[in-house]
PDB file of N, CA and C in Angstrom:
ATOM      1  N   MET A   1     -25.669 -18.454  19.609  1.00  0.00           N
ATOM      2  CA  MET A   1     -25.601 -17.094  19.126  1.00  0.00           C
ATOM      3  C   MET A   1     -26.051 -17.074  17.669  1.00  0.00           C
ATOM      4  N   ALA A   2     -26.768 -16.054  17.291  1.00  0.00           N
ATOM      5  CA  ALA A   2     -27.292 -15.944  15.927  1.00  0.00           C
ATOM      6  C   ALA A   2     -26.159 -15.696  14.935  1.00  0.00           C
ATOM      7  N   ASP A   3     -26.370 -16.139  13.715  1.00  0.00           N
ATOM      8  CA  ASP A   3     -25.345 -15.984  12.680  1.00  0.00           C
ATOM      9  C   ASP A   3     -25.008 -14.517  12.432  1.00  0.00           C
ATOM     10  N   TRP A   4     -26.018 -13.671  12.416  1.00  0.00           N
ATOM     11  CA  TRP A   4     -25.773 -12.264  12.121  1.00  0.00           C
ATOM     12  C   TRP A   4     -24.930 -11.602  13.208  1.00  0.00           C
ATOM     13  N   VAL A   5     -25.026 -12.076  14.429  1.00  0.00           N
ATOM     14  CA  VAL A   5     -24.221 -11.522  15.519  1.00  0.00           C
ATOM     15  C   VAL A   5     -22.761 -11.914  15.337  1.00  0.00           C
ATOM     16  N   ILE A   6     -22.529 -13.159  14.968  1.00  0.00           N
ATOM     17  CA  ILE A   6     -21.157 -13.630  14.732  1.00  0.00           C
ATOM     18  C   ILE A   6     -20.525 -12.856  13.575  1.00  0.00           C
ATOM     19  N   ILE A   7     -21.283 -12.684  12.505  1.00  0.00           N
ATOM     20  CA  ILE A   7     -20.772 -11.934  11.349  1.00  0.00           C
ATOM     21  C   ILE A   7     -20.484 -10.497  11.734  1.00  0.00           C
ATOM     22  N   LEU A   8     -21.378  -9.899  12.489  1.00  0.00           N
ATOM     23  CA  LEU A   8     -21.182  -8.522  12.928  1.00  0.00           C
ATOM     24  C   LEU A   8     -19.957  -8.392  13.827  1.00  0.00           C
ATOM     25  N   LEU A   9     -19.733  -9.355  14.708  1.00  0.00           N
ATOM     26  CA  LEU A   9     -18.553  -9.335  15.582  1.00  0.00           C
ATOM     27  C   LEU A   9     -17.261  -9.467  14.781  1.00  0.00           C
ATOM     28  N   ILE A  10     -17.245 -10.378  13.831  1.00  0.00           N
ATOM     29  CA  ILE A  10     -16.055 -10.577  13.004  1.00  0.00           C
ATOM     30  C   ILE A  10     -15.749  -9.308  12.206  1.00  0.00           C
ATOM     31  N   CYS A  11     -16.763  -8.712  11.599  1.00  0.00           N
ATOM     32  CA  CYS A  11     -16.555  -7.474  10.842  1.00  0.00           C
ATOM     33  C   CYS A  11     -16.106  -6.345  11.756  1.00  0.00           C
ATOM     34  N   GLY A  12     -16.687  -6.247  12.929  1.00  0.00           N
ATOM     35  CA  GLY A  12     -16.301  -5.208  13.875  1.00  0.00           C
ATOM     36  C   GLY A  12     -14.866  -5.360  14.350  1.00  0.00           C
ATOM     37  N   ILE A  13     -14.458  -6.583  14.648  1.00  0.00           N
ATOM     38  CA  ILE A  13     -13.081  -6.832  15.074  1.00  0.00           C
ATOM     39  C   ILE A  13     -12.103  -6.504  13.949  1.00  0.00           C
ATOM     40  N   TYR A  14     -12.455  -6.902  12.738  1.00  0.00           N
ATOM     41  CA  TYR A  14     -11.608  -6.594  11.582  1.00  0.00           C
ATOM     42  C   TYR A  14     -11.458  -5.084  11.408  1.00  0.00           C
ATOM     43  N   LEU A  15     -12.562  -4.367  11.468  1.00  0.00           N
ATOM     44  CA  LEU A  15     -12.503  -2.916  11.306  1.00  0.00           C
ATOM     45  C   LEU A  15     -11.725  -2.255  12.439  1.00  0.00           C
ATOM     46  N   LEU A  16     -11.844  -2.754  13.634  1.00  0.00           N
ATOM     47  CA  LEU A  16     -11.096  -2.217  14.767  1.00  0.00           C
ATOM     48  C   LEU A  16      -9.596  -2.429  14.579  1.00  0.00           C
ATOM     49  N   ILE A  17      -9.217  -3.616  14.128  1.00  0.00           N
ATOM     50  CA  ILE A  17      -7.792  -3.899  13.881  1.00  0.00           C
ATOM     51  C   ILE A  17      -7.236  -2.985  12.799  1.00  0.00           C
ATOM     52  N   THR A  18      -7.978  -2.805  11.697  1.00  0.00           N
ATOM     53  CA  THR A  18      -7.488  -1.930  10.632  1.00  0.00           C
ATOM     54  C   THR A  18      -7.446  -0.475  11.076  1.00  0.00           C
ATOM     55  N   LEU A  19      -8.384  -0.065  11.903  1.00  0.00           N
ATOM     56  CA  LEU A  19      -8.351   1.298  12.439  1.00  0.00           C
ATOM     57  C   LEU A  19      -7.117   1.516  13.308  1.00  0.00           C
ATOM     58  N   ILE A  20      -6.812   0.565  14.153  1.00  0.00           N
ATOM     59  CA  ILE A  20      -5.630   0.664  15.011  1.00  0.00           C
ATOM     60  C   ILE A  20      -4.356   0.664  14.172  1.00  0.00           C
ATOM     61  N   MET A  21      -4.327  -0.185  13.120  1.00  0.00           N
ATOM     62  CA  MET A  21      -3.159  -0.228  12.238  1.00  0.00           C
ATOM     63  C   MET A  21      -2.948   1.087  11.501  1.00  0.00           C
ATOM     64  N   GLY A  22      -4.000   1.859  11.319  1.00  0.00           N
ATOM     65  CA  GLY A  22      -3.864   3.142  10.657  1.00  0.00           C
ATOM     66  C   GLY A  22      -3.555   4.282  11.602  1.00  0.00           C
ATOM     67  N   ILE A  23      -4.112   4.240  12.803  1.00  0.00           N
ATOM     68  CA  ILE A  23      -3.948   5.356  13.736  1.00  0.00           C
ATOM     69  C   ILE A  23      -2.610   5.319  14.467  1.00  0.00           C
ATOM     70  N   VAL A  24      -2.210   4.158  14.961  1.00  0.00           N
ATOM     71  CA  VAL A  24      -0.993   4.060  15.779  1.00  0.00           C
ATOM     72  C   VAL A  24       0.255   4.545  15.029  1.00  0.00           C
ATOM     73  N   PRO A  25       0.505   4.113  13.783  1.00  0.00           N
ATOM     74  CA  PRO A  25       1.691   4.650  13.096  1.00  0.00           C
ATOM     75  C   PRO A  25       1.587   6.148  12.832  1.00  0.00           C
ATOM     76  N   GLY A  26       0.378   6.645  12.629  1.00  0.00           N
ATOM     77  CA  GLY A  26       0.200   8.063  12.365  1.00  0.00           C
ATOM     78  C   GLY A  26       0.511   8.950  13.556  1.00  0.00           C
ATOM     79  N   LEU A  27       0.470   8.411  14.749  1.00  0.00           N
ATOM     80  CA  LEU A  27       0.769   9.191  15.944  1.00  0.00           C
ATOM     81  C   LEU A  27       2.251   9.532  16.045  1.00  0.00           C
ATOM     82  N   LYS A  28       3.094   8.721  15.418  1.00  0.00           N
ATOM     83  CA  LYS A  28       4.537   8.918  15.518  1.00  0.00           C
ATOM     84  C   LYS A  28       5.109   9.773  14.388  1.00  0.00           C
ATOM     85  N   VAL A  29       4.282  10.163  13.420  1.00  0.00           N
ATOM     86  CA  VAL A  29       4.759  10.864  12.238  1.00  0.00           C
ATOM     87  C   VAL A  29       4.769  12.372  12.477  1.00  0.00           C
ATOM     88  N   SER A  30       5.824  13.035  12.005  1.00  0.00           N
ATOM     89  CA  SER A  30       5.923  14.492  12.151  1.00  0.00           C
ATOM     90  C   SER A  30       4.998  15.186  11.152  1.00  0.00           C
ATOM     91  N   HIS A  31       4.769  16.468  11.356  1.00  0.00           N
ATOM     92  CA  HIS A  31       3.918  17.258  10.474  1.00  0.00           C
ATOM     93  C   HIS A  31       4.772  17.962   9.431  1.00  0.00           C
ATOM     94  N   SER A  32       5.437  17.173   8.589  1.00  0.00           N
ATOM     95  CA  SER A  32       6.284  17.712   7.530  1.00  0.00           C
ATOM     96  C   SER A  32       5.953  16.976   6.235  1.00  0.00           C
ATOM     97  N   THR A  33       6.565  17.419   5.146  1.00  0.00           N
ATOM     98  CA  THR A  33       6.343  16.747   3.862  1.00  0.00           C
ATOM     99  C   THR A  33       6.829  15.308   3.921  1.00  0.00           C
ATOM    100  N   THR A  34       7.985  15.096   4.502  1.00  0.00           N
ATOM    101  CA  THR A  34       8.514  13.741   4.633  1.00  0.00           C
ATOM    102  C   THR A  34       7.622  12.885   5.516  1.00  0.00           C
ATOM    103  N   GLY A  35       7.076  13.464   6.543  1.00  0.00           N
ATOM    104  CA  GLY A  35       6.168  12.725   7.411  1.00  0.00           C
ATOM    105  C   GLY A  35       4.892  12.342   6.714  1.00  0.00           C
ATOM    106  N   TYR A  36       4.363  13.246   5.882  1.00  0.00           N
ATOM    107  CA  TYR A  36       3.112  12.960   5.179  1.00  0.00           C
ATOM    108  C   TYR A  36       3.305  11.960   4.046  1.00  0.00           C
ATOM    109  N   VAL A  37       4.318  12.179   3.227  1.00  0.00           N
ATOM    110  CA  VAL A  37       4.515  11.348   2.038  1.00  0.00           C
ATOM    111  C   VAL A  37       5.199  10.032   2.373  1.00  0.00           C
ATOM    112  N   ALA A  38       6.241  10.066   3.179  1.00  0.00           N
ATOM    113  CA  ALA A  38       7.051   8.871   3.415  1.00  0.00           C
ATOM    114  C   ALA A  38       6.934   8.331   4.832  1.00  0.00           C
ATOM    115  N   GLY A  39       6.044   8.865   5.631  1.00  0.00           N
ATOM    116  CA  GLY A  39       5.873   8.367   6.999  1.00  0.00           C
ATOM    117  C   GLY A  39       7.139   8.491   7.823  1.00  0.00           C
ATOM    118  N   ASP A  40       7.906   9.539   7.573  1.00  0.00           N
ATOM    119  CA  ASP A  40       9.205   9.743   8.232  1.00  0.00           C
ATOM    120  C   ASP A  40      10.145   8.559   8.057  1.00  0.00           C
ATOM    121  N   ARG A  41       9.898   7.784   7.018  1.00  0.00           N
ATOM    122  CA  ARG A  41      10.707   6.598   6.724  1.00  0.00           C
ATOM    123  C   ARG A  41      10.771   5.631   7.905  1.00  0.00           C
ATOM    124  N   SER A  42       9.703   5.565   8.659  1.00  0.00           N
ATOM    125  CA  SER A  42       9.686   4.688   9.839  1.00  0.00           C
ATOM    126  C   SER A  42       8.593   3.633   9.774  1.00  0.00           C
ATOM    127  N   MET A  43       7.951   3.466   8.625  1.00  0.00           N
ATOM    128  CA  MET A  43       6.859   2.511   8.491  1.00  0.00           C
ATOM    129  C   MET A  43       7.416   1.091   8.410  1.00  0.00           C
ATOM    130  N   ASN A  44       6.788   0.163   9.140  1.00  0.00           N
ATOM    131  CA  ASN A  44       7.286  -1.210   9.066  1.00  0.00           C
ATOM    132  C   ASN A  44       6.831  -1.877   7.777  1.00  0.00           C
ATOM    133  N   VAL A  45       7.437  -2.983   7.433  1.00  0.00           N
ATOM    134  CA  VAL A  45       7.210  -3.659   6.158  1.00  0.00           C
ATOM    135  C   VAL A  45       5.769  -4.145   6.028  1.00  0.00           C
ATOM    136  N   PHE A  46       5.175  -4.602   7.094  1.00  0.00           N
ATOM    137  CA  PHE A  46       3.807  -5.118   7.062  1.00  0.00           C
ATOM    138  C   PHE A  46       2.826  -4.025   6.648  1.00  0.00           C
ATOM    139  N   ILE A  47       2.920  -2.881   7.282  1.00  0.00           N
ATOM    140  CA  ILE A  47       2.035  -1.761   6.952  1.00  0.00           C
ATOM    141  C   ILE A  47       2.355  -1.231   5.561  1.00  0.00           C
ATOM    142  N   LEU A  48       3.634  -1.109   5.229  1.00  0.00           N
ATOM    143  CA  LEU A  48       4.046  -0.583   3.938  1.00  0.00           C
ATOM    144  C   LEU A  48       3.526  -1.443   2.789  1.00  0.00           C
ATOM    145  N   TYR A  49       3.523  -2.753   2.960  1.00  0.00           N
ATOM    146  CA  TYR A  49       3.019  -3.656   1.931  1.00  0.00           C
ATOM    147  C   TYR A  49       1.568  -3.329   1.598  1.00  0.00           C
ATOM    148  N   PHE A  50       0.752  -3.131   2.617  1.00  0.00           N
ATOM    149  CA  PHE A  50      -0.657  -2.855   2.380  1.00  0.00           C
ATOM    150  C   PHE A  50      -0.882  -1.440   1.850  1.00  0.00           C
ATOM    151  N   VAL A  51      -0.078  -0.486   2.263  1.00  0.00           N
ATOM    152  CA  VAL A  51      -0.203   0.870   1.740  1.00  0.00           C
ATOM    153  C   VAL A  51       0.134   0.893   0.248  1.00  0.00           C
ATOM    154  N   LEU A  52       1.220   0.265  -0.123  1.00  0.00           N
ATOM    155  CA  LEU A  52       1.596   0.219  -1.533  1.00  0.00           C
ATOM    156  C   LEU A  52       0.576  -0.549  -2.355  1.00  0.00           C
ATOM    157  N   GLY A  53       0.125  -1.664  -1.836  1.00  0.00           N
ATOM    158  CA  GLY A  53      -0.891  -2.441  -2.549  1.00  0.00           C
ATOM    159  C   GLY A  53      -2.169  -1.655  -2.756  1.00  0.00           C
ATOM    160  N   ALA A  54      -2.592  -0.930  -1.747  1.00  0.00           N
ATOM    161  CA  ALA A  54      -3.820  -0.141  -1.856  1.00  0.00           C
ATOM    162  C   ALA A  54      -3.659   0.991  -2.856  1.00  0.00           C
ATOM    163  N   SER A  55      -2.513   1.641  -2.854  1.00  0.00           N
ATOM    164  CA  SER A  55      -2.329   2.765  -3.770  1.00  0.00           C
ATOM    165  C   SER A  55      -2.148   2.316  -5.209  1.00  0.00           C
ATOM    166  N   ILE A  56      -1.541   1.166  -5.422  1.00  0.00           N
ATOM    167  CA  ILE A  56      -1.286   0.705  -6.782  1.00  0.00           C
ATOM    168  C   ILE A  56      -2.496  -0.007  -7.382  1.00  0.00           C
ATOM    169  N   PHE A  57      -3.111  -0.880  -6.619  1.00  0.00           N
ATOM    170  CA  PHE A  57      -4.139  -1.748  -7.170  1.00  0.00           C
ATOM    171  C   PHE A  57      -5.569  -1.305  -6.887  1.00  0.00           C
ATOM    172  N   SER A  58      -5.784  -0.225  -6.161  1.00  0.00           N
ATOM    173  CA  SER A  58      -7.148   0.096  -5.742  1.00  0.00           C
ATOM    174  C   SER A  58      -8.064   0.439  -6.903  1.00  0.00           C
ATOM    175  N   SER A  59      -7.641   1.305  -7.800  1.00  0.00           N
ATOM    176  CA  SER A  59      -8.545   1.692  -8.884  1.00  0.00           C
ATOM    177  C   SER A  59      -8.843   0.513  -9.796  1.00  0.00           C
ATOM    178  N   PHE A  60      -7.848  -0.293 -10.076  1.00  0.00           N
ATOM    179  CA  PHE A  60      -8.098  -1.475 -10.912  1.00  0.00           C
ATOM    180  C   PHE A  60      -8.992  -2.471 -10.198  1.00  0.00           C
ATOM    181  N   ALA A  61      -8.740  -2.681  -8.920  1.00  0.00           N
ATOM    182  CA  ALA A  61      -9.502  -3.679  -8.181  1.00  0.00           C
ATOM    183  C   ALA A  61     -10.968  -3.288  -8.026  1.00  0.00           C
ATOM    184  N   PHE A  62     -11.238  -1.996  -7.856  1.00  0.00           N
ATOM    185  CA  PHE A  62     -12.612  -1.574  -7.633  1.00  0.00           C
ATOM    186  C   PHE A  62     -13.355  -1.211  -8.907  1.00  0.00           C
ATOM    187  N   LEU A  63     -12.633  -0.821  -9.950  1.00  0.00           N
ATOM    188  CA  LEU A  63     -13.300  -0.404 -11.177  1.00  0.00           C
ATOM    189  C   LEU A  63     -13.082  -1.377 -12.334  1.00  0.00           C
ATOM    190  N   GLY A  64     -11.836  -1.672 -12.631  1.00  0.00           N
ATOM    191  CA  GLY A  64     -11.539  -2.495 -13.797  1.00  0.00           C
ATOM    192  C   GLY A  64     -11.728  -3.979 -13.588  1.00  0.00           C
ATOM    193  N   GLY A  65     -11.296  -4.471 -12.441  1.00  0.00           N
ATOM    194  CA  GLY A  65     -11.337  -5.913 -12.191  1.00  0.00           C
ATOM    195  C   GLY A  65     -12.722  -6.534 -12.240  1.00  0.00           C
ATOM    196  N   PRO A  66     -13.692  -6.026 -11.516  1.00  0.00           N
ATOM    197  CA  PRO A  66     -15.026  -6.625 -11.556  1.00  0.00           C
ATOM    198  C   PRO A  66     -15.671  -6.560 -12.933  1.00  0.00           C
ATOM    199  N   GLY A  67     -15.480  -5.460 -13.643  1.00  0.00           N
ATOM    200  CA  GLY A  67     -16.045  -5.368 -14.990  1.00  0.00           C
ATOM    201  C   GLY A  67     -15.399  -6.351 -15.941  1.00  0.00           C
ATOM    202  N   TRP A  68     -14.084  -6.488 -15.820  1.00  0.00           N
ATOM    203  CA  TRP A  68     -13.376  -7.431 -16.679  1.00  0.00           C
ATOM    204  C   TRP A  68     -13.791  -8.859 -16.348  1.00  0.00           C
ATOM    205  N   ALA A  69     -13.941  -9.165 -15.072  1.00  0.00           N
ATOM    206  CA  ALA A  69     -14.375 -10.505 -14.667  1.00  0.00           C
ATOM    207  C   ALA A  69     -15.783 -10.791 -15.147  1.00  0.00           C
ATOM    208  N   TYR A  70     -16.642  -9.790 -15.133  1.00  0.00           N
ATOM    209  CA  TYR A  70     -18.012  -9.982 -15.597  1.00  0.00           C
ATOM    210  C   TYR A  70     -18.043 -10.295 -17.087  1.00  0.00           C
ATOM    211  N   SER A  71     -17.193  -9.614 -17.859  1.00  0.00           N
ATOM    212  CA  SER A  71     -17.214  -9.818 -19.304  1.00  0.00           C
ATOM    213  C   SER A  71     -16.418 -11.039 -19.747  1.00  0.00           C
ATOM    214  N   ARG A  72     -15.369 -11.423 -19.011  1.00  0.00           N
ATOM    215  CA  ARG A  72     -14.499 -12.528 -19.429  1.00  0.00           C
ATOM    216  C   ARG A  72     -14.715 -13.828 -18.661  1.00  0.00           C
ATOM    217  N   GLY A  73     -15.243 -13.742 -17.472  1.00  0.00           N
ATOM    218  CA  GLY A  73     -15.478 -14.949 -16.694  1.00  0.00           C
ATOM    219  C   GLY A  73     -14.270 -15.371 -15.882  1.00  0.00           C
ATOM    220  N   VAL A  74     -14.039 -16.690 -15.823  1.00  0.00           N
ATOM    221  CA  VAL A  74     -13.017 -17.255 -14.945  1.00  0.00           C
ATOM    222  C   VAL A  74     -11.594 -16.848 -15.340  1.00  0.00           C
ATOM    223  N   ALA A  75     -11.397 -16.356 -16.535  1.00  0.00           N
ATOM    224  CA  ALA A  75     -10.065 -15.920 -16.958  1.00  0.00           C
ATOM    225  C   ALA A  75      -9.558 -14.766 -16.099  1.00  0.00           C
ATOM    226  N   ALA A  76     -10.456 -14.091 -15.448  1.00  0.00           N
ATOM    227  CA  ALA A  76     -10.068 -12.958 -14.610  1.00  0.00           C
ATOM    228  C   ALA A  76      -9.405 -13.393 -13.314  1.00  0.00           C
ATOM    229  N   LEU A  77      -9.306 -14.689 -13.056  1.00  0.00           N
ATOM    230  CA  LEU A  77      -8.639 -15.158 -11.842  1.00  0.00           C
ATOM    231  C   LEU A  77      -7.144 -14.828 -11.834  1.00  0.00           C
ATOM    232  N   TYR A  78      -6.603 -14.468 -12.991  1.00  0.00           N
ATOM    233  CA  TYR A  78      -5.198 -14.070 -13.010  1.00  0.00           C
ATOM    234  C   TYR A  78      -4.984 -12.824 -12.155  1.00  0.00           C
ATOM    235  N   ILE A  79      -6.034 -12.071 -11.912  1.00  0.00           N
ATOM    236  CA  ILE A  79      -5.925 -10.853 -11.110  1.00  0.00           C
ATOM    237  C   ILE A  79      -5.408 -11.190  -9.714  1.00  0.00           C
ATOM    238  N   ILE A  80      -5.801 -12.326  -9.174  1.00  0.00           N
ATOM    239  CA  ILE A  80      -5.337 -12.732  -7.849  1.00  0.00           C
ATOM    240  C   ILE A  80      -3.825 -12.934  -7.866  1.00  0.00           C
ATOM    241  N   ALA A  81      -3.328 -13.641  -8.882  1.00  0.00           N
ATOM    242  CA  ALA A  81      -1.885 -13.870  -8.992  1.00  0.00           C
ATOM    243  C   ALA A  81      -1.164 -12.545  -9.254  1.00  0.00           C
ATOM    244  N   TYR A  82      -1.739 -11.706 -10.081  1.00  0.00           N
ATOM    245  CA  TYR A  82      -1.133 -10.413 -10.376  1.00  0.00           C
ATOM    246  C   TYR A  82      -1.021  -9.569  -9.112  1.00  0.00           C
ATOM    247  N   GLY A  83      -2.048  -9.587  -8.297  1.00  0.00           N
ATOM    248  CA  GLY A  83      -2.020  -8.813  -7.057  1.00  0.00           C
ATOM    249  C   GLY A  83      -0.987  -9.321  -6.079  1.00  0.00           C
ATOM    250  N   ALA A  84      -0.817 -10.638  -6.018  1.00  0.00           N
ATOM    251  CA  ALA A  84       0.145 -11.213  -5.071  1.00  0.00           C
ATOM    252  C   ALA A  84       1.585 -11.030  -5.548  1.00  0.00           C
ATOM    253  N   VAL A  85       1.811 -11.182  -6.836  1.00  0.00           N
ATOM    254  CA  VAL A  85       3.163 -11.112  -7.382  1.00  0.00           C
ATOM    255  C   VAL A  85       3.547  -9.676  -7.749  1.00  0.00           C
ATOM    256  N   GLY A  86       2.569  -8.799  -7.857  1.00  0.00           N
ATOM    257  CA  GLY A  86       2.824  -7.433  -8.284  1.00  0.00           C
ATOM    258  C   GLY A  86       3.738  -6.643  -7.370  1.00  0.00           C
ATOM    259  N   MET A  87       3.861  -7.065  -6.133  1.00  0.00           N
ATOM    260  CA  MET A  87       4.708  -6.341  -5.185  1.00  0.00           C
ATOM    261  C   MET A  87       6.135  -6.885  -5.125  1.00  0.00           C
ATOM    262  N   VAL A  88       6.421  -7.956  -5.815  1.00  0.00           N
ATOM    263  CA  VAL A  88       7.762  -8.556  -5.770  1.00  0.00           C
ATOM    264  C   VAL A  88       8.857  -7.587  -6.223  1.00  0.00           C
ATOM    265  N   PRO A  89       8.659  -6.775  -7.272  1.00  0.00           N
ATOM    266  CA  PRO A  89       9.728  -5.833  -7.646  1.00  0.00           C
ATOM    267  C   PRO A  89      10.111  -4.871  -6.525  1.00  0.00           C
ATOM    268  N   PHE A  90       9.162  -4.536  -5.664  1.00  0.00           N
ATOM    269  CA  PHE A  90       9.488  -3.646  -4.554  1.00  0.00           C
ATOM    270  C   PHE A  90      10.471  -4.292  -3.582  1.00  0.00           C
ATOM    271  N   TYR A  91      10.482  -5.601  -3.538  1.00  0.00           N
ATOM    272  CA  TYR A  91      11.434  -6.301  -2.677  1.00  0.00           C
ATOM    273  C   TYR A  91      12.864  -6.031  -3.146  1.00  0.00           C
ATOM    274  N   PHE A  92      13.045  -5.950  -4.457  1.00  0.00           N
ATOM    275  CA  PHE A  92      14.381  -5.760  -5.007  1.00  0.00           C
ATOM    276  C   PHE A  92      14.746  -4.284  -5.163  1.00  0.00           C
ATOM    277  N   PHE A  93      13.812  -3.472  -5.663  1.00  0.00           N
ATOM    278  CA  PHE A  93      14.111  -2.073  -5.944  1.00  0.00           C
ATOM    279  C   PHE A  93      13.784  -1.144  -4.785  1.00  0.00           C
ATOM    280  N   GLY A  94      12.919  -1.555  -3.900  1.00  0.00           N
ATOM    281  CA  GLY A  94      12.505  -0.712  -2.783  1.00  0.00           C
ATOM    282  C   GLY A  94      13.634  -0.286  -1.863  1.00  0.00           C
ATOM    283  N   PRO A  95      14.475  -1.224  -1.396  1.00  0.00           N
ATOM    284  CA  PRO A  95      15.583  -0.817  -0.524  1.00  0.00           C
ATOM    285  C   PRO A  95      16.558   0.151  -1.193  1.00  0.00           C
ATOM    286  N   LYS A  96      16.776  -0.010  -2.498  1.00  0.00           N
ATOM    287  CA  LYS A  96      17.681   0.901  -3.204  1.00  0.00           C
ATOM    288  C   LYS A  96      17.073   2.294  -3.299  1.00  0.00           C
ATOM    289  N   ALA A  97      15.779   2.357  -3.619  1.00  0.00           N
ATOM    290  CA  ALA A  97      15.109   3.658  -3.696  1.00  0.00           C
ATOM    291  C   ALA A  97      15.050   4.313  -2.324  1.00  0.00           C
ATOM    292  N   ARG A  98      14.847   3.528  -1.286  1.00  0.00           N
ATOM    293  CA  ARG A  98      14.806   4.072   0.073  1.00  0.00           C
ATOM    294  C   ARG A  98      16.174   4.622   0.484  1.00  0.00           C
ATOM    295  N   ALA A  99      17.233   3.896   0.133  1.00  0.00           N
ATOM    296  CA  ALA A  99      18.583   4.357   0.471  1.00  0.00           C
ATOM    297  C   ALA A  99      18.913   5.664  -0.239  1.00  0.00           C
ATOM    298  N   LEU A 100      18.522   5.778  -1.519  1.00  0.00           N
ATOM    299  CA  LEU A 100      18.738   7.032  -2.242  1.00  0.00           C
ATOM    300  C   LEU A 100      17.936   8.170  -1.619  1.00  0.00           C
ATOM    301  N   GLY A 101      16.692   7.875  -1.258  1.00  0.00           N
ATOM    302  CA  GLY A 101      15.848   8.898  -0.644  1.00  0.00           C
ATOM    303  C   GLY A 101      16.389   9.381   0.683  1.00  0.00           C
ATOM    304  N   GLU A 102      16.884   8.448   1.466  1.00  0.00           N
ATOM    305  CA  GLU A 102      17.435   8.830   2.764  1.00  0.00           C
ATOM    306  C   GLU A 102      18.749   9.604   2.614  1.00  0.00           C
ATOM    307  N   LYS A 103      19.567   9.199   1.654  1.00  0.00           N
ATOM    308  CA  LYS A 103      20.869   9.840   1.465  1.00  0.00           C
ATOM    309  C   LYS A 103      20.735  11.263   0.919  1.00  0.00           C
ATOM    310  N   TYR A 104      19.858  11.439  -0.083  1.00  0.00           N
ATOM    311  CA  TYR A 104      19.739  12.738  -0.750  1.00  0.00           C
ATOM    312  C   TYR A 104      18.496  13.534  -0.332  1.00  0.00           C
ATOM    313  N   GLY A 105      17.674  12.989   0.537  1.00  0.00           N
ATOM    314  CA  GLY A 105      16.487  13.704   1.000  1.00  0.00           C
ATOM    315  C   GLY A 105      15.316  13.653   0.046  1.00  0.00           C
ATOM    316  N   PHE A 106      15.284  12.659  -0.842  1.00  0.00           N
ATOM    317  CA  PHE A 106      14.148  12.522  -1.759  1.00  0.00           C
ATOM    318  C   PHE A 106      12.907  12.130  -0.977  1.00  0.00           C
ATOM    319  N   VAL A 107      11.783  12.688  -1.378  1.00  0.00           N
ATOM    320  CA  VAL A 107      10.527  12.339  -0.734  1.00  0.00           C
ATOM    321  C   VAL A 107       9.695  11.438  -1.641  1.00  0.00           C
ATOM    322  N   THR A 108       9.730  11.688  -2.943  1.00  0.00           N
ATOM    323  CA  THR A 108       8.998  10.857  -3.896  1.00  0.00           C
ATOM    324  C   THR A 108       9.978  10.239  -4.892  1.00  0.00           C
ATOM    325  N   GLN A 109       9.543   9.206  -5.573  1.00  0.00           N
ATOM    326  CA  GLN A 109      10.407   8.563  -6.561  1.00  0.00           C
ATOM    327  C   GLN A 109      10.624   9.448  -7.771  1.00  0.00           C
ATOM    328  N   ALA A 110       9.712  10.360  -8.038  1.00  0.00           N
ATOM    329  CA  ALA A 110       9.865  11.266  -9.179  1.00  0.00           C
ATOM    330  C   ALA A 110      11.046  12.207  -9.006  1.00  0.00           C
ATOM    331  N   GLU A 111      11.498  12.423  -7.789  1.00  0.00           N
ATOM    332  CA  GLU A 111      12.633  13.312  -7.549  1.00  0.00           C
ATOM    333  C   GLU A 111      13.964  12.671  -7.908  1.00  0.00           C
ATOM    334  N   ILE A 112      14.033  11.378  -7.976  1.00  0.00           N
ATOM    335  CA  ILE A 112      15.308  10.695  -8.211  1.00  0.00           C
ATOM    336  C   ILE A 112      15.916  11.099  -9.552  1.00  0.00           C
ATOM    337  N   PRO A 113      15.240  10.938 -10.704  1.00  0.00           N
ATOM    338  CA  PRO A 113      15.892  11.337 -11.957  1.00  0.00           C
ATOM    339  C   PRO A 113      16.019  12.847 -12.097  1.00  0.00           C
ATOM    340  N   ARG A 114      15.072  13.615 -11.575  1.00  0.00           N
ATOM    341  CA  ARG A 114      15.103  15.065 -11.722  1.00  0.00           C
ATOM    342  C   ARG A 114      16.307  15.663 -11.004  1.00  0.00           C
ATOM    343  N   ARG A 115      16.539  15.257  -9.776  1.00  0.00           N
ATOM    344  CA  ARG A 115      17.661  15.833  -9.009  1.00  0.00           C
ATOM    345  C   ARG A 115      19.002  15.297  -9.500  1.00  0.00           C
ATOM    346  N   SER A 116      19.033  14.076 -10.012  1.00  0.00           N
ATOM    347  CA  SER A 116      20.317  13.560 -10.488  1.00  0.00           C
ATOM    348  C   SER A 116      20.727  14.264 -11.781  1.00  0.00           C
ATOM    349  N   VAL A 117      19.758  14.771 -12.563  1.00  0.00           N
ATOM    350  CA  VAL A 117      20.083  15.537 -13.776  1.00  0.00           C
ATOM    351  C   VAL A 117      20.569  16.919 -13.384  1.00  0.00           C
ATOM    352  N   GLN A 118      19.990  17.508 -12.335  1.00  0.00           N
ATOM    353  CA  GLN A 118      20.375  18.852 -11.918  1.00  0.00           C
ATOM    354  C   GLN A 118      21.759  18.877 -11.293  1.00  0.00           C
ATOM    355  N   GLN A 119      22.200  17.786 -10.676  1.00  0.00           N
ATOM    356  CA  GLN A 119      23.483  17.786  -9.953  1.00  0.00           C
ATOM    357  C   GLN A 119      24.633  17.439 -10.853  1.00  0.00           C
TER     358      GLN A 119
END
């Protein structure tokens, strides 16, 4: 088999898997604010990890990272460690924020201090 066919198959399988990972959880979500923002609080940890990583690191990874690597060289390899370790705080603070959101009906993290001041 030609190399380009193997590469095309691998890319196609990867894209199919990511498409399924995006569509299947979306079928179970309600059409409400909580469903849109928080996935009805039913997202599994595997999917949530990639959603948070994409939302936090996407602009830096696509805009800042390559430019910084071009200007600085190999020193930019810290970005790999930063990306891997950057989600560790969510392991500790995420369950607490989720429990508060579920208890008081918070949809975003910005609501936590605002509603606690009002009450």
